């Protein structure tokens, strides 16, 4: 009879060990799954923020080029083009702020740098077109420099984002 008790006790202990092992494995698996889902969610948030920024940056660059040409030729629609550029810069600022919240430092810096360059272009264009006459030549020089820097900053942004998203 004592042998039967030992066998029964061994079966109970073995069963408990098996159950505890199964529960422990399920917890680890659940934790890993939650972590993976969270990482996937964060990656999607970043991807959305980067995409929005690139779309808004493209729109701001187009608006800046149009305003630049209107200001250069003193077209009748220059005031309207400046207004459109201002709106595009405001939308780009919102998108760059979102990138700053969601992205790591190097991506956030790249987005803000692109925004600042495009906004500097906007400011220089306004000064070149309707600023003090004696300062207009210098403002045109700043506008041309900001034009080049703006396009370069936006071009450099996408590869940085792609590299970061590929790492995750």
C-alpha atoms as a PDB file:
ATOM      1  CA  UNK A   1       0.000   0.000   0.000  1.00  0.00           C
ATOM      2  CA  UNK A   2       2.794   2.421   0.712  1.00  0.00           C
ATOM      3  CA  UNK A   3       4.132   1.833  -2.791  1.00  0.00           C
ATOM      4  CA  UNK A   4       0.737   2.909  -4.204  1.00  0.00           C
ATOM      5  CA  UNK A   5       0.798   6.076  -2.107  1.00  0.00           C
ATOM      6  CA  UNK A   6       4.270   6.923  -3.389  1.00  0.00           C
ATOM      7  CA  UNK A   7       3.132   6.326  -6.947  1.00  0.00           C
ATOM      8  CA  UNK A   8       0.052   8.496  -6.422  1.00  0.00           C
ATOM      9  CA  UNK A   9       2.109  11.253  -4.768  1.00  0.00           C
ATOM     10  CA  UNK A  10       4.615  11.113  -7.618  1.00  0.00           C
ATOM     11  CA  UNK A  11       1.822  11.398 -10.164  1.00  0.00           C
ATOM     12  CA  UNK A  12       0.318  14.403  -8.344  1.00  0.00           C
ATOM     13  CA  UNK A  13       3.702  16.143  -8.045  1.00  0.00           C
ATOM     14  CA  UNK A  14       4.481  15.368 -11.681  1.00  0.00           C
ATOM     15  CA  UNK A  15       1.102  16.703 -12.752  1.00  0.00           C
ATOM     16  CA  UNK A  16       1.612  19.914 -10.749  1.00  0.00           C
ATOM     17  CA  UNK A  17       5.057  20.429 -12.255  1.00  0.00           C
ATOM     18  CA  UNK A  18       3.573  19.925 -15.722  1.00  0.00           C
ATOM     19  CA  UNK A  19       0.728  22.355 -15.067  1.00  0.00           C
ATOM     20  CA  UNK A  20       3.068  24.974 -13.586  1.00  0.00           C
ATOM     21  CA  UNK A  21       5.408  24.563 -16.558  1.00  0.00           C
ATOM     22  CA  UNK A  22       2.544  25.021 -18.990  1.00  0.00           C
ATOM     23  CA  UNK A  23       1.307  28.122 -17.154  1.00  0.00           C
ATOM     24  CA  UNK A  24       4.815  29.585 -17.058  1.00  0.00           C
ATOM     25  CA  UNK A  25       5.322  28.954 -20.773  1.00  0.00           C
ATOM     26  CA  UNK A  26       1.966  30.552 -21.568  1.00  0.00           C
ATOM     27  CA  UNK A  27       2.884  33.658 -19.575  1.00  0.00           C
ATOM     28  CA  UNK A  28       6.221  34.002 -21.339  1.00  0.00           C
ATOM     29  CA  UNK A  29       4.569  33.512 -24.723  1.00  0.00           C
ATOM     30  CA  UNK A  30       1.859  36.056 -23.875  1.00  0.00           C
ATOM     31  CA  UNK A  31       4.448  38.596 -22.732  1.00  0.00           C
ATOM     32  CA  UNK A  32       6.459  38.099 -25.927  1.00  0.00           C
ATOM     33  CA  UNK A  33       3.328  38.453 -28.025  1.00  0.00           C
ATOM     34  CA  UNK A  34       2.331  41.691 -26.254  1.00  0.00           C
ATOM     35  CA  UNK A  35       5.857  43.036 -26.744  1.00  0.00           C
ATOM     36  CA  UNK A  36       5.805  42.155 -30.453  1.00  0.00           C
ATOM     37  CA  UNK A  37       2.387  43.749 -30.916  1.00  0.00           C
ATOM     38  CA  UNK A  38       3.548  46.903 -29.149  1.00  0.00           C
ATOM     39  CA  UNK A  39       6.674  47.109 -31.321  1.00  0.00           C
ATOM     40  CA  UNK A  40       4.584  46.624 -34.463  1.00  0.00           C
ATOM     41  CA  UNK A  41       2.177  49.355 -33.309  1.00  0.00           C
ATOM     42  CA  UNK A  42       5.076  51.768 -32.638  1.00  0.00           C
ATOM     43  CA  UNK A  43       6.608  50.991 -36.032  1.00  0.00           C
ATOM     44  CA  UNK A  44       3.283  51.753 -37.737  1.00  0.00           C
ATOM     45  CA  UNK A  45       2.944  55.047 -35.829  1.00  0.00           C
ATOM     46  CA  UNK A  46       6.420  56.062 -36.923  1.00  0.00           C
ATOM     47  CA  UNK A  47       5.788  55.002 -40.505  1.00  0.00           C
ATOM     48  CA  UNK A  48       2.592  57.079 -40.583  1.00  0.00           C
ATOM     49  CA  UNK A  49       4.359  60.111 -39.095  1.00  0.00           C
ATOM     50  CA  UNK A  50       7.243  59.840 -41.577  1.00  0.00           C
ATOM     51  CA  UNK A  51       4.860  59.415 -44.519  1.00  0.00           C
ATOM     52  CA  UNK A  52       2.807  62.433 -43.493  1.00  0.00           C
ATOM     53  CA  UNK A  53       5.965  64.490 -43.116  1.00  0.00           C
ATOM     54  CA  UNK A  54       7.216  63.515 -46.575  1.00  0.00           C
ATOM     55  CA  UNK A  55       3.864  64.352 -48.185  1.00  0.00           C
ATOM     56  CA  UNK A  56       3.703  67.717 -46.428  1.00  0.00           C
ATOM     57  CA  UNK A  57       7.349  68.462 -47.223  1.00  0.00           C
ATOM     58  CA  UNK A  58       6.707  67.739 -50.888  1.00  0.00           C
ATOM     59  CA  UNK A  59       3.694  70.056 -50.864  1.00  0.00           C
ATOM     60  CA  UNK A  60       5.714  72.778 -49.118  1.00  0.00           C
ATOM     61  CA  UNK A  61       8.551  72.454 -51.630  1.00  0.00           C
ATOM     62  CA  UNK A  62       6.105  72.751 -54.526  1.00  0.00           C
ATOM     63  CA  UNK A  63       4.459  75.779 -52.918  1.00  0.00           C
ATOM     64  CA  UNK A  64       7.861  77.363 -52.269  1.00  0.00           C
ATOM     65  CA  UNK A  65       8.990  76.816 -55.861  1.00  0.00           C
ATOM     66  CA  UNK A  66       5.745  78.329 -57.162  1.00  0.00           C
ATOM     67  CA  UNK A  67       6.015  81.304 -54.794  1.00  0.00           C
ATOM     68  CA  UNK A  68       9.686  81.740 -55.720  1.00  0.00           C
ATOM     69  CA  UNK A  69       8.847  81.912 -59.428  1.00  0.00           C
ATOM     70  CA  UNK A  70       5.942  84.301 -58.797  1.00  0.00           C
ATOM     71  CA  UNK A  71       8.138  86.562 -56.679  1.00  0.00           C
ATOM     72  CA  UNK A  72      10.999  86.437 -59.195  1.00  0.00           C
ATOM     73  CA  UNK A  73       8.722  87.474 -62.072  1.00  0.00           C
ATOM     74  CA  UNK A  74       6.626  89.808 -59.897  1.00  0.00           C
ATOM     75  CA  UNK A  75       3.520  87.968 -61.047  1.00  0.00           C
ATOM     76  CA  UNK A  76       0.074  89.251 -60.150  1.00  0.00           C
ATOM     77  CA  UNK A  77      -0.614  86.160 -58.009  1.00  0.00           C
ATOM     78  CA  UNK A  78       2.472  86.528 -55.804  1.00  0.00           C
ATOM     79  CA  UNK A  79       0.443  87.427 -52.707  1.00  0.00           C
ATOM     80  CA  UNK A  80      -1.740  84.350 -53.148  1.00  0.00           C
ATOM     81  CA  UNK A  81       1.361  82.177 -53.648  1.00  0.00           C
ATOM     82  CA  UNK A  82       2.901  83.543 -50.434  1.00  0.00           C
ATOM     83  CA  UNK A  83      -0.317  82.709 -48.581  1.00  0.00           C
ATOM     84  CA  UNK A  84      -0.296  79.161 -49.979  1.00  0.00           C
ATOM     85  CA  UNK A  85       3.336  78.756 -48.945  1.00  0.00           C
ATOM     86  CA  UNK A  86       2.547  79.977 -45.438  1.00  0.00           C
ATOM     87  CA  UNK A  87      -0.235  77.380 -45.086  1.00  0.00           C
ATOM     88  CA  UNK A  88       2.058  74.647 -46.449  1.00  0.00           C
ATOM     89  CA  UNK A  89       4.748  75.624 -43.929  1.00  0.00           C
ATOM     90  CA  UNK A  90       2.231  75.519 -41.076  1.00  0.00           C
ATOM     91  CA  UNK A  91       1.136  72.029 -42.128  1.00  0.00           C
ATOM     92  CA  UNK A  92       4.760  70.948 -42.414  1.00  0.00           C
ATOM     93  CA  UNK A  93       5.436  72.262 -38.913  1.00  0.00           C
ATOM     94  CA  UNK A  94       2.605  70.067 -37.579  1.00  0.00           C
ATOM     95  CA  UNK A  95       3.998  67.035 -39.383  1.00  0.00           C
ATOM     96  CA  UNK A  96       7.543  67.700 -38.148  1.00  0.00           C
ATOM     97  CA  UNK A  97       6.235  68.018 -34.595  1.00  0.00           C
ATOM     98  CA  UNK A  98       4.608  64.598 -34.940  1.00  0.00           C
ATOM     99  CA  UNK A  99       7.903  63.143 -36.195  1.00  0.00           C
ATOM    100  CA  UNK A 100       9.651  64.745 -33.221  1.00  0.00           C
ATOM    101  CA  UNK A 101       7.233  62.982 -30.862  1.00  0.00           C
ATOM    102  CA  UNK A 102       7.375  59.573 -32.556  1.00  0.00           C
ATOM    103  CA  UNK A 103      10.886  59.307 -33.948  1.00  0.00           C
ATOM    104  CA  UNK A 104      14.334  59.032 -32.445  1.00  0.00           C
ATOM    105  CA  UNK A 105      16.619  62.055 -32.206  1.00  0.00           C
ATOM    106  CA  UNK A 106      18.310  61.860 -35.602  1.00  0.00           C
ATOM    107  CA  UNK A 107      14.982  61.552 -37.442  1.00  0.00           C
ATOM    108  CA  UNK A 108      13.422  64.339 -35.366  1.00  0.00           C
ATOM    109  CA  UNK A 109      16.408  66.597 -36.061  1.00  0.00           C
ATOM    110  CA  UNK A 110      16.219  65.880 -39.799  1.00  0.00           C
ATOM    111  CA  UNK A 111      12.497  66.707 -39.899  1.00  0.00           C
ATOM    112  CA  UNK A 112      12.885  69.938 -37.952  1.00  0.00           C
ATOM    113  CA  UNK A 113      15.888  70.946 -40.038  1.00  0.00           C
ATOM    114  CA  UNK A 114      13.899  70.466 -43.251  1.00  0.00           C
ATOM    115  CA  UNK A 115      11.006  72.476 -41.826  1.00  0.00           C
ATOM    116  CA  UNK A 116      13.309  75.316 -40.684  1.00  0.00           C
ATOM    117  CA  UNK A 117      15.006  75.445 -44.115  1.00  0.00           C
ATOM    118  CA  UNK A 118      11.689  75.635 -45.983  1.00  0.00           C
ATOM    119  CA  UNK A 119      10.374  78.274 -43.581  1.00  0.00           C
ATOM    120  CA  UNK A 120      13.623  80.243 -43.988  1.00  0.00           C
ATOM    121  CA  UNK A 121      13.046  80.095 -47.741  1.00  0.00           C
ATOM    122  CA  UNK A 122       9.536  81.491 -47.219  1.00  0.00           C
ATOM    123  CA  UNK A 123      10.836  84.352 -45.078  1.00  0.00           C
ATOM    124  CA  UNK A 124      13.665  85.152 -47.499  1.00  0.00           C
ATOM    125  CA  UNK A 125      11.255  85.180 -50.448  1.00  0.00           C
ATOM    126  CA  UNK A 126       8.978  87.643 -48.731  1.00  0.00           C
ATOM    127  CA  UNK A 127      11.955  89.902 -47.925  1.00  0.00           C
ATOM    128  CA  UNK A 128      13.327  89.574 -51.460  1.00  0.00           C
ATOM    129  CA  UNK A 129      10.014  90.522 -53.014  1.00  0.00           C
ATOM    130  CA  UNK A 130       8.681  93.189 -50.714  1.00  0.00           C
ATOM    131  CA  UNK A 131      11.399  94.003 -48.177  1.00  0.00           C
ATOM    132  CA  UNK A 132      13.611  97.061 -48.034  1.00  0.00           C
ATOM    133  CA  UNK A 133      14.969  97.708 -51.538  1.00  0.00           C
ATOM    134  CA  UNK A 134      18.587  97.918 -50.366  1.00  0.00           C
ATOM    135  CA  UNK A 135      18.307  94.455 -48.739  1.00  0.00           C
ATOM    136  CA  UNK A 136      16.553  92.631 -51.570  1.00  0.00           C
ATOM    137  CA  UNK A 137      19.682  91.312 -53.297  1.00  0.00           C
ATOM    138  CA  UNK A 138      20.903  89.709 -50.075  1.00  0.00           C
ATOM    139  CA  UNK A 139      17.430  88.275 -49.480  1.00  0.00           C
ATOM    140  CA  UNK A 140      17.425  86.722 -52.958  1.00  0.00           C
ATOM    141  CA  UNK A 141      20.756  85.107 -52.127  1.00  0.00           C
ATOM    142  CA  UNK A 142      19.317  83.706 -48.884  1.00  0.00           C
ATOM    143  CA  UNK A 143      16.242  82.468 -50.761  1.00  0.00           C
ATOM    144  CA  UNK A 144      18.386  80.637 -53.313  1.00  0.00           C
ATOM    145  CA  UNK A 145      20.507  79.059 -50.569  1.00  0.00           C
ATOM    146  CA  UNK A 146      17.428  78.021 -48.572  1.00  0.00           C
ATOM    147  CA  UNK A 147      15.940  76.551 -51.759  1.00  0.00           C
ATOM    148  CA  UNK A 148      18.935  74.282 -52.259  1.00  0.00           C
ATOM    149  CA  UNK A 149      19.210  73.355 -48.582  1.00  0.00           C
ATOM    150  CA  UNK A 150      15.467  72.637 -48.315  1.00  0.00           C
ATOM    151  CA  UNK A 151      15.449  70.167 -51.152  1.00  0.00           C
ATOM    152  CA  UNK A 152      18.583  68.474 -49.840  1.00  0.00           C
ATOM    153  CA  UNK A 153      17.140  68.125 -46.322  1.00  0.00           C
ATOM    154  CA  UNK A 154      13.935  66.543 -47.618  1.00  0.00           C
ATOM    155  CA  UNK A 155      15.881  64.183 -49.901  1.00  0.00           C
ATOM    156  CA  UNK A 156      17.983  62.997 -46.936  1.00  0.00           C
ATOM    157  CA  UNK A 157      14.957  62.370 -44.719  1.00  0.00           C
ATOM    158  CA  UNK A 158      13.453  59.341 -46.494  1.00  0.00           C
ATOM    159  CA  UNK A 159      16.604  57.164 -46.430  1.00  0.00           C
ATOM    160  CA  UNK A 160      17.021  57.850 -42.698  1.00  0.00           C
ATOM    161  CA  UNK A 161      13.457  56.724 -42.080  1.00  0.00           C
ATOM    162  CA  UNK A 162      13.801  53.640 -44.238  1.00  0.00           C
ATOM    163  CA  UNK A 163      16.968  52.632 -42.394  1.00  0.00           C
ATOM    164  CA  UNK A 164      15.314  53.042 -39.008  1.00  0.00           C
ATOM    165  CA  UNK A 165      12.165  51.133 -40.003  1.00  0.00           C
ATOM    166  CA  UNK A 166      14.269  48.313 -41.472  1.00  0.00           C
ATOM    167  CA  UNK A 167      16.145  47.961 -38.162  1.00  0.00           C
ATOM    168  CA  UNK A 168      12.943  47.395 -36.205  1.00  0.00           C
END
